[in-house]
Amino acid sequence: MTKPASLEIIHAYRHLYKGLLRAIQFSKPARFSARRQMRTAFREEGAKFDPQAIERTLLFLDAATRERGLEHRILKNLLRIGWDRRPGQVTWKRSLLQAKLNRGRHVSQPSPAGHDMFYDERKTN
C-alpha cells in the first residue's frame, strides 16, 4: 500500500469532522469531545490510513445523522465516555470520594463576624 498524500489525510479529517458535527447536531460538550478524540487519532504515531474504514465511518455518521436510532445512541455514548475521561477531569464521584477521605483530616475554622451569613454575635455573648 502506498503512503497517502497529506491532502488525502486532510480531506478525510475534514469529512469525518463535518460528519461528526452533523451527527451530534453541533451540541457543545459532544463537539469538544469529538474534536479532541479526532485530533488524538490523527496525530497518533504509527496510525494507518485506511480509506475503506473512513468510508464506513462516514456511512455510520450519516446513519446517526438521519435518525435517532442505534447509531445515534452509540455515538452519543462514545462521546459521553470520552468527555468524562478527559485529562484533568474531576467528576462529582471523585470529588465526593475525596471529601469523604478528607473528612476527618481537615478542621475548618469559623469565619470572623461579618464574613459569615450564619454567624450571629448574640449567640456567642
PDB file of N, CA and C in Angstrom:
ATOM      1  N   MET A   1       0.846  -1.179   0.000  1.00  0.00           N
ATOM      2  CA  MET A   1       0.000   0.000   0.000  1.00  0.00           C
ATOM      3  C   MET A   1       0.893   1.244   0.000  1.00  0.00           C
ATOM      4  N   THR A   2       0.565   2.182  -0.843  1.00  0.00           N
ATOM      5  CA  THR A   2       1.360   3.402  -0.919  1.00  0.00           C
ATOM      6  C   THR A   2       0.949   4.368   0.178  1.00  0.00           C
ATOM      7  N   LYS A   3       1.879   5.228   0.506  1.00  0.00           N
ATOM      8  CA  LYS A   3       1.617   6.222   1.552  1.00  0.00           C
ATOM      9  C   LYS A   3       0.646   7.271   1.006  1.00  0.00           C
ATOM     10  N   PRO A   4      -0.411   7.589   1.770  1.00  0.00           N
ATOM     11  CA  PRO A   4      -1.381   8.572   1.271  1.00  0.00           C
ATOM     12  C   PRO A   4      -0.791   9.979   1.269  1.00  0.00           C
ATOM     13  N   ALA A   5      -1.280  10.773   0.347  1.00  0.00           N
ATOM     14  CA  ALA A   5      -0.844  12.165   0.281  1.00  0.00           C
ATOM     15  C   ALA A   5      -1.434  12.925   1.462  1.00  0.00           C
ATOM     16  N   SER A   6      -0.740  13.974   1.864  1.00  0.00           N
ATOM     17  CA  SER A   6      -1.225  14.754   3.001  1.00  0.00           C
ATOM     18  C   SER A   6      -2.584  15.376   2.700  1.00  0.00           C
ATOM     19  N   LEU A   7      -2.849  15.663   1.424  1.00  0.00           N
ATOM     20  CA  LEU A   7      -4.145  16.223   1.048  1.00  0.00           C
ATOM     21  C   LEU A   7      -5.267  15.213   1.308  1.00  0.00           C
ATOM     22  N   GLU A   8      -4.990  13.930   1.066  1.00  0.00           N
ATOM     23  CA  GLU A   8      -5.986  12.884   1.349  1.00  0.00           C
ATOM     24  C   GLU A   8      -6.309  12.826   2.841  1.00  0.00           C
ATOM     25  N   ILE A   9      -5.288  12.938   3.657  1.00  0.00           N
ATOM     26  CA  ILE A   9      -5.483  12.894   5.111  1.00  0.00           C
ATOM     27  C   ILE A   9      -6.277  14.107   5.576  1.00  0.00           C
ATOM     28  N   ILE A  10      -5.956  15.262   5.045  1.00  0.00           N
ATOM     29  CA  ILE A  10      -6.686  16.487   5.411  1.00  0.00           C
ATOM     30  C   ILE A  10      -8.149  16.378   5.011  1.00  0.00           C
ATOM     31  N   HIS A  11      -8.419  15.864   3.810  1.00  0.00           N
ATOM     32  CA  HIS A  11      -9.802  15.706   3.353  1.00  0.00           C
ATOM     33  C   HIS A  11     -10.550  14.691   4.209  1.00  0.00           C
ATOM     34  N   ALA A  12      -9.879  13.601   4.576  1.00  0.00           N
ATOM     35  CA  ALA A  12     -10.514  12.595   5.430  1.00  0.00           C
ATOM     36  C   ALA A  12     -10.866  13.202   6.785  1.00  0.00           C
ATOM     37  N   TYR A  13      -9.925  13.957   7.362  1.00  0.00           N
ATOM     38  CA  TYR A  13     -10.172  14.603   8.654  1.00  0.00           C
ATOM     39  C   TYR A  13     -11.366  15.547   8.563  1.00  0.00           C
ATOM     40  N   ARG A  14     -11.397  16.366   7.524  1.00  0.00           N
ATOM     41  CA  ARG A  14     -12.488  17.343   7.384  1.00  0.00           C
ATOM     42  C   ARG A  14     -13.832  16.665   7.162  1.00  0.00           C
ATOM     43  N   HIS A  15     -13.859  15.617   6.337  1.00  0.00           N
ATOM     44  CA  HIS A  15     -15.120  14.904   6.102  1.00  0.00           C
ATOM     45  C   HIS A  15     -15.620  14.236   7.386  1.00  0.00           C
ATOM     46  N   LEU A  16     -14.699  13.606   8.118  1.00  0.00           N
ATOM     47  CA  LEU A  16     -15.096  12.959   9.371  1.00  0.00           C
ATOM     48  C   LEU A  16     -15.578  13.979  10.398  1.00  0.00           C
ATOM     49  N   TYR A  17     -14.871  15.095  10.491  1.00  0.00           N
ATOM     50  CA  TYR A  17     -15.255  16.114  11.476  1.00  0.00           C
ATOM     51  C   TYR A  17     -16.614  16.729  11.134  1.00  0.00           C
ATOM     52  N   LYS A  18     -16.844  17.026   9.862  1.00  0.00           N
ATOM     53  CA  LYS A  18     -18.145  17.576   9.462  1.00  0.00           C
ATOM     54  C   LYS A  18     -19.257  16.558   9.695  1.00  0.00           C
ATOM     55  N   GLY A  19     -18.976  15.289   9.411  1.00  0.00           N
ATOM     56  CA  GLY A  19     -19.964  14.245   9.667  1.00  0.00           C
ATOM     57  C   GLY A  19     -20.282  14.108  11.142  1.00  0.00           C
ATOM     58  N   LEU A  20     -19.254  14.199  11.973  1.00  0.00           N
ATOM     59  CA  LEU A  20     -19.465  14.139  13.427  1.00  0.00           C
ATOM     60  C   LEU A  20     -20.306  15.310  13.916  1.00  0.00           C
ATOM     61  N   LEU A  21     -19.986  16.498  13.446  1.00  0.00           N
ATOM     62  CA  LEU A  21     -20.735  17.676  13.885  1.00  0.00           C
ATOM     63  C   LEU A  21     -22.196  17.588  13.478  1.00  0.00           C
ATOM     64  N   ARG A  22     -22.454  17.091  12.287  1.00  0.00           N
ATOM     65  CA  ARG A  22     -23.850  16.930  11.861  1.00  0.00           C
ATOM     66  C   ARG A  22     -24.565  15.873  12.705  1.00  0.00           C
ATOM     67  N   ALA A  23     -23.869  14.778  13.002  1.00  0.00           N
ATOM     68  CA  ALA A  23     -24.485  13.686  13.749  1.00  0.00           C
ATOM     69  C   ALA A  23     -24.829  14.094  15.176  1.00  0.00           C
ATOM     70  N   ILE A  24     -24.001  14.955  15.782  1.00  0.00           N
ATOM     71  CA  ILE A  24     -24.263  15.369  17.161  1.00  0.00           C
ATOM     72  C   ILE A  24     -25.026  16.687  17.224  1.00  0.00           C
ATOM     73  N   GLN A  25     -25.378  17.201  16.044  1.00  0.00           N
ATOM     74  CA  GLN A  25     -26.161  18.434  15.920  1.00  0.00           C
ATOM     75  C   GLN A  25     -25.463  19.608  16.610  1.00  0.00           C
ATOM     76  N   PHE A  26     -24.158  19.649  16.504  1.00  0.00           N
ATOM     77  CA  PHE A  26     -23.325  20.751  16.987  1.00  0.00           C
ATOM     78  C   PHE A  26     -23.472  21.015  18.485  1.00  0.00           C
ATOM     79  N   SER A  27     -23.858  20.004  19.274  1.00  0.00           N
ATOM     80  CA  SER A  27     -24.004  20.211  20.713  1.00  0.00           C
ATOM     81  C   SER A  27     -22.634  20.440  21.341  1.00  0.00           C
ATOM     82  N   LYS A  28     -22.601  21.329  22.328  1.00  0.00           N
ATOM     83  CA  LYS A  28     -21.319  21.804  22.835  1.00  0.00           C
ATOM     84  C   LYS A  28     -20.447  20.749  23.523  1.00  0.00           C
ATOM     85  N   PRO A  29     -20.899  20.015  24.516  1.00  0.00           N
ATOM     86  CA  PRO A  29     -19.925  19.091  25.114  1.00  0.00           C
ATOM     87  C   PRO A  29     -19.464  18.018  24.135  1.00  0.00           C
ATOM     88  N   ALA A  30     -20.369  17.507  23.326  1.00  0.00           N
ATOM     89  CA  ALA A  30     -20.019  16.445  22.378  1.00  0.00           C
ATOM     90  C   ALA A  30     -19.089  16.971  21.290  1.00  0.00           C
ATOM     91  N   ARG A  31     -19.271  18.204  20.893  1.00  0.00           N
ATOM     92  CA  ARG A  31     -18.433  18.803  19.853  1.00  0.00           C
ATOM     93  C   ARG A  31     -16.971  18.842  20.296  1.00  0.00           C
ATOM     94  N   PHE A  32     -16.732  19.240  21.527  1.00  0.00           N
ATOM     95  CA  PHE A  32     -15.366  19.341  22.022  1.00  0.00           C
ATOM     96  C   PHE A  32     -14.750  17.962  22.232  1.00  0.00           C
ATOM     97  N   SER A  33     -15.544  17.027  22.702  1.00  0.00           N
ATOM     98  CA  SER A  33     -15.055  15.666  22.896  1.00  0.00           C
ATOM     99  C   SER A  33     -14.696  15.037  21.552  1.00  0.00           C
ATOM    100  N   ALA A  34     -15.540  15.240  20.550  1.00  0.00           N
ATOM    101  CA  ALA A  34     -15.284  14.690  19.218  1.00  0.00           C
ATOM    102  C   ALA A  34     -14.018  15.290  18.624  1.00  0.00           C
ATOM    103  N   ARG A  35     -13.848  16.587  18.761  1.00  0.00           N
ATOM    104  CA  ARG A  35     -12.663  17.254  18.216  1.00  0.00           C
ATOM    105  C   ARG A  35     -11.390  16.731  18.879  1.00  0.00           C
ATOM    106  N   ARG A  36     -11.415  16.577  20.195  1.00  0.00           N
ATOM    107  CA  ARG A  36     -10.242  16.100  20.906  1.00  0.00           C
ATOM    108  C   ARG A  36      -9.896  14.664  20.494  1.00  0.00           C
ATOM    109  N   GLN A  37     -10.917  13.806  20.383  1.00  0.00           N
ATOM    110  CA  GLN A  37     -10.662  12.421  20.002  1.00  0.00           C
ATOM    111  C   GLN A  37     -10.161  12.317  18.564  1.00  0.00           C
ATOM    112  N   MET A  38     -10.700  13.154  17.677  1.00  0.00           N
ATOM    113  CA  MET A  38     -10.239  13.154  16.282  1.00  0.00           C
ATOM    114  C   MET A  38      -8.781  13.609  16.203  1.00  0.00           C
ATOM    115  N   ARG A  39      -8.444  14.670  16.898  1.00  0.00           N
ATOM    116  CA  ARG A  39      -7.068  15.170  16.874  1.00  0.00           C
ATOM    117  C   ARG A  39      -6.099  14.118  17.394  1.00  0.00           C
ATOM    118  N   THR A  40      -6.486  13.464  18.479  1.00  0.00           N
ATOM    119  CA  THR A  40      -5.630  12.427  19.059  1.00  0.00           C
ATOM    120  C   THR A  40      -5.418  11.281  18.071  1.00  0.00           C
ATOM    121  N   ALA A  41      -6.484  10.865  17.420  1.00  0.00           N
ATOM    122  CA  ALA A  41      -6.395   9.744  16.484  1.00  0.00           C
ATOM    123  C   ALA A  41      -5.539  10.104  15.268  1.00  0.00           C
ATOM    124  N   PHE A  42      -5.675  11.311  14.750  1.00  0.00           N
ATOM    125  CA  PHE A  42      -4.924  11.692  13.558  1.00  0.00           C
ATOM    126  C   PHE A  42      -3.477  12.047  13.870  1.00  0.00           C
ATOM    127  N   ARG A  43      -3.153  12.365  15.111  1.00  0.00           N
ATOM    128  CA  ARG A  43      -1.773  12.693  15.473  1.00  0.00           C
ATOM    129  C   ARG A  43      -1.004  11.505  16.027  1.00  0.00           C
ATOM    130  N   GLU A  44      -1.676  10.396  16.204  1.00  0.00           N
ATOM    131  CA  GLU A  44      -1.063   9.212  16.795  1.00  0.00           C
ATOM    132  C   GLU A  44       0.058   8.673  15.904  1.00  0.00           C
ATOM    133  N   GLU A  45       1.181   8.358  16.532  1.00  0.00           N
ATOM    134  CA  GLU A  45       2.319   7.779  15.801  1.00  0.00           C
ATOM    135  C   GLU A  45       1.966   6.363  15.369  1.00  0.00           C
ATOM    136  N   GLY A  46       2.295   6.032  14.156  1.00  0.00           N
ATOM    137  CA  GLY A  46       2.075   4.680  13.665  1.00  0.00           C
ATOM    138  C   GLY A  46       0.642   4.398  13.238  1.00  0.00           C
ATOM    139  N   ALA A  47      -0.191   5.427  13.168  1.00  0.00           N
ATOM    140  CA  ALA A  47      -1.575   5.230  12.727  1.00  0.00           C
ATOM    141  C   ALA A  47      -1.577   4.931  11.231  1.00  0.00           C
ATOM    142  N   LYS A  48      -2.480   4.055  10.814  1.00  0.00           N
ATOM    143  CA  LYS A  48      -2.557   3.672   9.407  1.00  0.00           C
ATOM    144  C   LYS A  48      -3.768   4.342   8.760  1.00  0.00           C
ATOM    145  N   PHE A  49      -3.574   4.808   7.549  1.00  0.00           N
ATOM    146  CA  PHE A  49      -4.639   5.442   6.784  1.00  0.00           C
ATOM    147  C   PHE A  49      -5.379   4.359   6.019  1.00  0.00           C
ATOM    148  N   ASP A  50      -6.678   4.190   6.319  1.00  0.00           N
ATOM    149  CA  ASP A  50      -7.493   3.165   5.677  1.00  0.00           C
ATOM    150  C   ASP A  50      -8.724   3.829   5.060  1.00  0.00           C
ATOM    151  N   PRO A  51      -8.724   4.056   3.744  1.00  0.00           N
ATOM    152  CA  PRO A  51      -9.853   4.745   3.103  1.00  0.00           C
ATOM    153  C   PRO A  51     -11.181   3.998   3.259  1.00  0.00           C
ATOM    154  N   GLN A  52     -11.142   2.659   3.269  1.00  0.00           N
ATOM    155  CA  GLN A  52     -12.393   1.901   3.428  1.00  0.00           C
ATOM    156  C   GLN A  52     -12.971   2.106   4.824  1.00  0.00           C
ATOM    157  N   ALA A  53     -12.124   2.141   5.836  1.00  0.00           N
ATOM    158  CA  ALA A  53     -12.607   2.373   7.203  1.00  0.00           C
ATOM    159  C   ALA A  53     -13.186   3.777   7.333  1.00  0.00           C
ATOM    160  N   ILE A  54     -12.580   4.730   6.676  1.00  0.00           N
ATOM    161  CA  ILE A  54     -13.100   6.100   6.710  1.00  0.00           C
ATOM    162  C   ILE A  54     -14.454   6.159   6.025  1.00  0.00           C
ATOM    163  N   GLU A  55     -14.593   5.467   4.907  1.00  0.00           N
ATOM    164  CA  GLU A  55     -15.876   5.446   4.191  1.00  0.00           C
ATOM    165  C   GLU A  55     -16.962   4.782   5.045  1.00  0.00           C
ATOM    166  N   ARG A  56     -16.628   3.683   5.716  1.00  0.00           N
ATOM    167  CA  ARG A  56     -17.611   3.026   6.598  1.00  0.00           C
ATOM    168  C   ARG A  56     -17.994   3.933   7.763  1.00  0.00           C
ATOM    169  N   THR A  57     -17.014   4.655   8.307  1.00  0.00           N
ATOM    170  CA  THR A  57     -17.299   5.573   9.413  1.00  0.00           C
ATOM    171  C   THR A  57     -18.206   6.699   8.954  1.00  0.00           C
ATOM    172  N   LEU A  58     -17.975   7.210   7.748  1.00  0.00           N
ATOM    173  CA  LEU A  58     -18.844   8.265   7.211  1.00  0.00           C
ATOM    174  C   LEU A  58     -20.275   7.755   7.011  1.00  0.00           C
ATOM    175  N   LEU A  59     -20.413   6.501   6.569  1.00  0.00           N
ATOM    176  CA  LEU A  59     -21.755   5.919   6.440  1.00  0.00           C
ATOM    177  C   LEU A  59     -22.424   5.777   7.807  1.00  0.00           C
ATOM    178  N   PHE A  60     -21.650   5.376   8.809  1.00  0.00           N
ATOM    179  CA  PHE A  60     -22.168   5.262  10.178  1.00  0.00           C
ATOM    180  C   PHE A  60     -22.631   6.633  10.687  1.00  0.00           C
ATOM    181  N   LEU A  61     -21.806   7.654  10.461  1.00  0.00           N
ATOM    182  CA  LEU A  61     -22.167   9.002  10.911  1.00  0.00           C
ATOM    183  C   LEU A  61     -23.389   9.522  10.169  1.00  0.00           C
ATOM    184  N   ASP A  62     -23.501   9.178   8.897  1.00  0.00           N
ATOM    185  CA  ASP A  62     -24.676   9.588   8.131  1.00  0.00           C
ATOM    186  C   ASP A  62     -25.938   8.932   8.684  1.00  0.00           C
ATOM    187  N   ALA A  63     -25.831   7.655   9.058  1.00  0.00           N
ATOM    188  CA  ALA A  63     -26.978   6.958   9.663  1.00  0.00           C
ATOM    189  C   ALA A  63     -27.332   7.577  11.013  1.00  0.00           C
ATOM    190  N   ALA A  64     -26.315   7.972  11.780  1.00  0.00           N
ATOM    191  CA  ALA A  64     -26.569   8.615  13.080  1.00  0.00           C
ATOM    192  C   ALA A  64     -27.203   9.988  12.882  1.00  0.00           C
ATOM    193  N   THR A  65     -26.923  10.640  11.768  1.00  0.00           N
ATOM    194  CA  THR A  65     -27.496  11.958  11.483  1.00  0.00           C
ATOM    195  C   THR A  65     -28.957  11.846  11.083  1.00  0.00           C
ATOM    196  N   ARG A  66     -29.279  10.839  10.279  1.00  0.00           N
ATOM    197  CA  ARG A  66     -30.625  10.726   9.721  1.00  0.00           C
ATOM    198  C   ARG A  66     -31.707  10.449  10.764  1.00  0.00           C
ATOM    199  N   GLU A  67     -31.440   9.574  11.712  1.00  0.00           N
ATOM    200  CA  GLU A  67     -32.460   9.245  12.706  1.00  0.00           C
ATOM    201  C   GLU A  67     -31.821   8.926  14.043  1.00  0.00           C
ATOM    202  N   ARG A  68     -32.601   9.016  15.086  1.00  0.00           N
ATOM    203  CA  ARG A  68     -32.093   8.763  16.437  1.00  0.00           C
ATOM    204  C   ARG A  68     -32.230   7.288  16.774  1.00  0.00           C
ATOM    205  N   GLY A  69     -31.552   6.480  16.017  1.00  0.00           N
ATOM    206  CA  GLY A  69     -31.593   5.036  16.214  1.00  0.00           C
ATOM    207  C   GLY A  69     -30.377   4.545  16.968  1.00  0.00           C
ATOM    208  N   LEU A  70     -30.000   3.317  16.648  1.00  0.00           N
ATOM    209  CA  LEU A  70     -28.895   2.670  17.330  1.00  0.00           C
ATOM    210  C   LEU A  70     -27.576   3.419  17.114  1.00  0.00           C
ATOM    211  N   GLU A  71     -27.335   3.849  15.879  1.00  0.00           N
ATOM    212  CA  GLU A  71     -26.079   4.549  15.587  1.00  0.00           C
ATOM    213  C   GLU A  71     -25.961   5.839  16.387  1.00  0.00           C
ATOM    214  N   HIS A  72     -27.058   6.564  16.497  1.00  0.00           N
ATOM    215  CA  HIS A  72     -27.052   7.827  17.237  1.00  0.00           C
ATOM    216  C   HIS A  72     -26.744   7.583  18.713  1.00  0.00           C
ATOM    217  N   ARG A  73     -27.352   6.548  19.283  1.00  0.00           N
ATOM    218  CA  ARG A  73     -27.114   6.244  20.698  1.00  0.00           C
ATOM    219  C   ARG A  73     -25.685   5.765  20.949  1.00  0.00           C
ATOM    220  N   ILE A  74     -25.145   4.964  20.014  1.00  0.00           N
ATOM    221  CA  ILE A  74     -23.753   4.513  20.151  1.00  0.00           C
ATOM    222  C   ILE A  74     -22.811   5.700  20.122  1.00  0.00           C
ATOM    223  N   LEU A  75     -23.007   6.592  19.167  1.00  0.00           N
ATOM    224  CA  LEU A  75     -22.148   7.772  19.050  1.00  0.00           C
ATOM    225  C   LEU A  75     -22.270   8.661  20.279  1.00  0.00           C
ATOM    226  N   LYS A  76     -23.490   8.854  20.738  1.00  0.00           N
ATOM    227  CA  LYS A  76     -23.715   9.689  21.920  1.00  0.00           C
ATOM    228  C   LYS A  76     -23.001   9.124  23.145  1.00  0.00           C
ATOM    229  N   ASN A  77     -23.080   7.824  23.344  1.00  0.00           N
ATOM    230  CA  ASN A  77     -22.425   7.196  24.491  1.00  0.00           C
ATOM    231  C   ASN A  77     -20.903   7.225  24.372  1.00  0.00           C
ATOM    232  N   LEU A  78     -20.379   7.016  23.169  1.00  0.00           N
ATOM    233  CA  LEU A  78     -18.930   7.088  22.982  1.00  0.00           C
ATOM    234  C   LEU A  78     -18.393   8.486  23.296  1.00  0.00           C
ATOM    235  N   LEU A  79     -19.108   9.496  22.855  1.00  0.00           N
ATOM    236  CA  LEU A  79     -18.663  10.869  23.108  1.00  0.00           C
ATOM    237  C   LEU A  79     -18.829  11.233  24.580  1.00  0.00           C
ATOM    238  N   ARG A  80     -19.864  10.730  25.212  1.00  0.00           N
ATOM    239  CA  ARG A  80     -20.065  10.992  26.638  1.00  0.00           C
ATOM    240  C   ARG A  80     -18.942  10.374  27.467  1.00  0.00           C
ATOM    241  N   ILE A  81     -18.568   9.146  27.130  1.00  0.00           N
ATOM    242  CA  ILE A  81     -17.465   8.489  27.826  1.00  0.00           C
ATOM    243  C   ILE A  81     -16.167   9.256  27.595  1.00  0.00           C
ATOM    244  N   GLY A  82     -15.954   9.698  26.362  1.00  0.00           N
ATOM    245  CA  GLY A  82     -14.767  10.489  26.057  1.00  0.00           C
ATOM    246  C   GLY A  82     -14.726  11.792  26.824  1.00  0.00           C
ATOM    247  N   TRP A  83     -15.888  12.404  27.009  1.00  0.00           N
ATOM    248  CA  TRP A  83     -15.968  13.662  27.765  1.00  0.00           C
ATOM    249  C   TRP A  83     -15.670  13.414  29.241  1.00  0.00           C
ATOM    250  N   ASP A  84     -16.199  12.336  29.792  1.00  0.00           N
ATOM    251  CA  ASP A  84     -15.984  12.042  31.210  1.00  0.00           C
ATOM    252  C   ASP A  84     -14.547  11.612  31.502  1.00  0.00           C
ATOM    253  N   ARG A  85     -13.846  11.074  30.521  1.00  0.00           N
ATOM    254  CA  ARG A  85     -12.479  10.597  30.720  1.00  0.00           C
ATOM    255  C   ARG A  85     -11.424  11.594  30.270  1.00  0.00           C
ATOM    256  N   ARG A  86     -11.792  12.819  30.026  1.00  0.00           N
ATOM    257  CA  ARG A  86     -10.795  13.787  29.551  1.00  0.00           C
ATOM    258  C   ARG A  86      -9.760  14.047  30.638  1.00  0.00           C
ATOM    259  N   PRO A  87      -8.550  14.374  30.230  1.00  0.00           N
ATOM    260  CA  PRO A  87      -7.458  14.565  31.202  1.00  0.00           C
ATOM    261  C   PRO A  87      -7.748  15.720  32.157  1.00  0.00           C
ATOM    262  N   GLY A  88      -7.445  15.502  33.420  1.00  0.00           N
ATOM    263  CA  GLY A  88      -7.644  16.544  34.415  1.00  0.00           C
ATOM    264  C   GLY A  88      -9.079  16.710  34.863  1.00  0.00           C
ATOM    265  N   GLN A  89      -9.955  15.834  34.438  1.00  0.00           N
ATOM    266  CA  GLN A  89     -11.374  15.934  34.777  1.00  0.00           C
ATOM    267  C   GLN A  89     -11.604  15.475  36.206  1.00  0.00           C
ATOM    268  N   VAL A  90     -12.282  16.285  36.990  1.00  0.00           N
ATOM    269  CA  VAL A  90     -12.672  15.905  38.339  1.00  0.00           C
ATOM    270  C   VAL A  90     -14.183  15.719  38.327  1.00  0.00           C
ATOM    271  N   THR A  91     -14.616  14.476  38.401  1.00  0.00           N
ATOM    272  CA  THR A  91     -16.047  14.193  38.372  1.00  0.00           C
ATOM    273  C   THR A  91     -16.639  14.351  39.763  1.00  0.00           C
ATOM    274  N   TRP A  92     -17.941  14.392  39.832  1.00  0.00           N
ATOM    275  CA  TRP A  92     -18.595  14.539  41.124  1.00  0.00           C
ATOM    276  C   TRP A  92     -18.319  13.322  42.001  1.00  0.00           C
ATOM    277  N   LYS A  93     -18.172  12.160  41.388  1.00  0.00           N
ATOM    278  CA  LYS A  93     -17.874  10.959  42.172  1.00  0.00           C
ATOM    279  C   LYS A  93     -16.495  11.052  42.810  1.00  0.00           C
ATOM    280  N   ARG A  94     -15.517  11.533  42.015  1.00  0.00           N
ATOM    281  CA  ARG A  94     -14.172  11.675  42.557  1.00  0.00           C
ATOM    282  C   ARG A  94     -14.125  12.717  43.656  1.00  0.00           C
ATOM    283  N   SER A  95     -14.802  13.840  43.452  1.00  0.00           N
ATOM    284  CA  SER A  95     -14.769  14.889  44.469  1.00  0.00           C
ATOM    285  C   SER A  95     -15.489  14.432  45.744  1.00  0.00           C
ATOM    286  N   LEU A  96     -16.570  13.664  45.613  1.00  0.00           N
ATOM    287  CA  LEU A  96     -17.270  13.135  46.782  1.00  0.00           C
ATOM    288  C   LEU A  96     -16.387  12.151  47.537  1.00  0.00           C
ATOM    289  N   LEU A  97     -15.708  11.272  46.817  1.00  0.00           N
ATOM    290  CA  LEU A  97     -14.809  10.319  47.451  1.00  0.00           C
ATOM    291  C   LEU A  97     -13.670  11.044  48.156  1.00  0.00           C
ATOM    292  N   GLN A  98     -13.119  12.073  47.519  1.00  0.00           N
ATOM    293  CA  GLN A  98     -12.035  12.841  48.125  1.00  0.00           C
ATOM    294  C   GLN A  98     -12.525  13.551  49.383  1.00  0.00           C
ATOM    295  N   ALA A  99     -13.750  14.072  49.349  1.00  0.00           N
ATOM    296  CA  ALA A  99     -14.305  14.744  50.523  1.00  0.00           C
ATOM    297  C   ALA A  99     -14.496  13.755  51.673  1.00  0.00           C
ATOM    298  N   LYS A 100     -14.932  12.543  51.365  1.00  0.00           N
ATOM    299  CA  LYS A 100     -15.105  11.530  52.408  1.00  0.00           C
ATOM    300  C   LYS A 100     -13.768  11.133  53.020  1.00  0.00           C
ATOM    301  N   LEU A 101     -12.745  11.031  52.183  1.00  0.00           N
ATOM    302  CA  LEU A 101     -11.421  10.671  52.688  1.00  0.00           C
ATOM    303  C   LEU A 101     -10.831  11.772  53.552  1.00  0.00           C
ATOM    304  N   ASN A 102     -11.095  13.007  53.219  1.00  0.00           N
ATOM    305  CA  ASN A 102     -10.527  14.150  53.944  1.00  0.00           C
ATOM    306  C   ASN A 102     -11.406  14.621  55.095  1.00  0.00           C
ATOM    307  N   ARG A 103     -12.532  13.998  55.327  1.00  0.00           N
ATOM    308  CA  ARG A 103     -13.483  14.463  56.332  1.00  0.00           C
ATOM    309  C   ARG A 103     -12.869  14.566  57.720  1.00  0.00           C
ATOM    310  N   GLY A 104     -12.129  13.581  58.142  1.00  0.00           N
ATOM    311  CA  GLY A 104     -11.548  13.587  59.478  1.00  0.00           C
ATOM    312  C   GLY A 104     -10.229  14.334  59.564  1.00  0.00           C
ATOM    313  N   ARG A 105      -9.624  14.676  58.456  1.00  0.00           N
ATOM    314  CA  ARG A 105      -8.305  15.299  58.455  1.00  0.00           C
ATOM    315  C   ARG A 105      -8.345  16.818  58.527  1.00  0.00           C
ATOM    316  N   HIS A 106      -9.380  17.418  58.003  1.00  0.00           N
ATOM    317  CA  HIS A 106      -9.424  18.874  57.888  1.00  0.00           C
ATOM    318  C   HIS A 106     -10.469  19.445  58.840  1.00  0.00           C
ATOM    319  N   VAL A 107     -10.050  20.384  59.685  1.00  0.00           N
ATOM    320  CA  VAL A 107     -10.978  21.059  60.591  1.00  0.00           C
ATOM    321  C   VAL A 107     -11.055  22.505  60.146  1.00  0.00           C
ATOM    322  N   SER A 108     -12.227  22.938  59.739  1.00  0.00           N
ATOM    323  CA  SER A 108     -12.364  24.310  59.257  1.00  0.00           C
ATOM    324  C   SER A 108     -12.504  25.274  60.424  1.00  0.00           C
ATOM    325  N   GLN A 109     -11.971  26.447  60.244  1.00  0.00           N
ATOM    326  CA  GLN A 109     -12.046  27.490  61.257  1.00  0.00           C
ATOM    327  C   GLN A 109     -13.318  28.309  61.037  1.00  0.00           C
ATOM    328  N   PRO A 110     -13.989  28.734  62.123  1.00  0.00           N
ATOM    329  CA  PRO A 110     -15.183  29.552  61.936  1.00  0.00           C
ATOM    330  C   PRO A 110     -14.807  30.917  61.370  1.00  0.00           C
ATOM    331  N   SER A 111     -15.696  31.476  60.583  1.00  0.00           N
ATOM    332  CA  SER A 111     -15.451  32.780  59.974  1.00  0.00           C
ATOM    333  C   SER A 111     -15.600  33.879  61.009  1.00  0.00           C
ATOM    334  N   PRO A 112     -14.822  34.966  60.883  1.00  0.00           N
ATOM    335  CA  PRO A 112     -14.987  36.091  61.799  1.00  0.00           C
ATOM    336  C   PRO A 112     -16.333  36.772  61.581  1.00  0.00           C
ATOM    337  N   ALA A 113     -16.754  37.544  62.570  1.00  0.00           N
ATOM    338  CA  ALA A 113     -18.053  38.218  62.487  1.00  0.00           C
ATOM    339  C   ALA A 113     -18.114  39.098  61.249  1.00  0.00           C
ATOM    340  N   GLY A 114     -19.234  39.095  60.599  1.00  0.00           N
ATOM    341  CA  GLY A 114     -19.429  39.917  59.425  1.00  0.00           C
ATOM    342  C   GLY A 114     -19.077  39.229  58.127  1.00  0.00           C
ATOM    343  N   HIS A 115     -18.369  38.112  58.187  1.00  0.00           N
ATOM    344  CA  HIS A 115     -17.978  37.418  56.973  1.00  0.00           C
ATOM    345  C   HIS A 115     -18.784  36.149  56.743  1.00  0.00           C
ATOM    346  N   ASP A 116     -19.528  35.729  57.720  1.00  0.00           N
ATOM    347  CA  ASP A 116     -20.332  34.522  57.582  1.00  0.00           C
ATOM    348  C   ASP A 116     -21.790  34.910  57.752  1.00  0.00           C
ATOM    349  N   MET A 117     -22.603  34.576  56.788  1.00  0.00           N
ATOM    350  CA  MET A 117     -24.003  34.993  56.848  1.00  0.00           C
ATOM    351  C   MET A 117     -24.776  34.249  57.939  1.00  0.00           C
ATOM    352  N   PHE A 118     -24.233  33.143  58.459  1.00  0.00           N
ATOM    353  CA  PHE A 118     -24.930  32.418  59.504  1.00  0.00           C
ATOM    354  C   PHE A 118     -24.357  32.696  60.892  1.00  0.00           C
ATOM    355  N   TYR A 119     -23.379  33.548  60.967  1.00  0.00           N
ATOM    356  CA  TYR A 119     -22.738  33.871  62.242  1.00  0.00           C
ATOM    357  C   TYR A 119     -23.580  34.913  62.963  1.00  0.00           C
ATOM    358  N   ASP A 120     -23.909  34.655  64.208  1.00  0.00           N
ATOM    359  CA  ASP A 120     -24.713  35.578  64.990  1.00  0.00           C
ATOM    360  C   ASP A 120     -23.965  35.891  66.277  1.00  0.00           C
ATOM    361  N   GLU A 121     -23.596  37.169  66.485  1.00  0.00           N
ATOM    362  CA  GLU A 121     -22.817  37.579  67.659  1.00  0.00           C
ATOM    363  C   GLU A 121     -23.599  37.386  68.937  1.00  0.00           C
ATOM    364  N   ARG A 122     -24.904  37.533  68.881  1.00  0.00           N
ATOM    365  CA  ARG A 122     -25.713  37.431  70.092  1.00  0.00           C
ATOM    366  C   ARG A 122     -25.603  36.056  70.729  1.00  0.00           C
ATOM    367  N   LYS A 123     -25.398  35.003  69.904  1.00  0.00           N
ATOM    368  CA  LYS A 123     -25.302  33.661  70.455  1.00  0.00           C
ATOM    369  C   LYS A 123     -23.980  33.431  71.161  1.00  0.00           C
ATOM    370  N   THR A 124     -22.921  34.145  70.806  1.00  0.00           N
ATOM    371  CA  THR A 124     -21.621  33.921  71.417  1.00  0.00           C
ATOM    372  C   THR A 124     -21.442  34.681  72.712  1.00  0.00           C
ATOM    373  N   ASN A 125     -22.190  35.712  72.964  1.00  0.00           N
ATOM    374  CA  ASN A 125     -22.046  36.521  74.194  1.00  0.00           C
ATOM    375  C   ASN A 125     -22.829  35.946  75.328  1.00  0.00           C
TER     376      ASN A 125
END
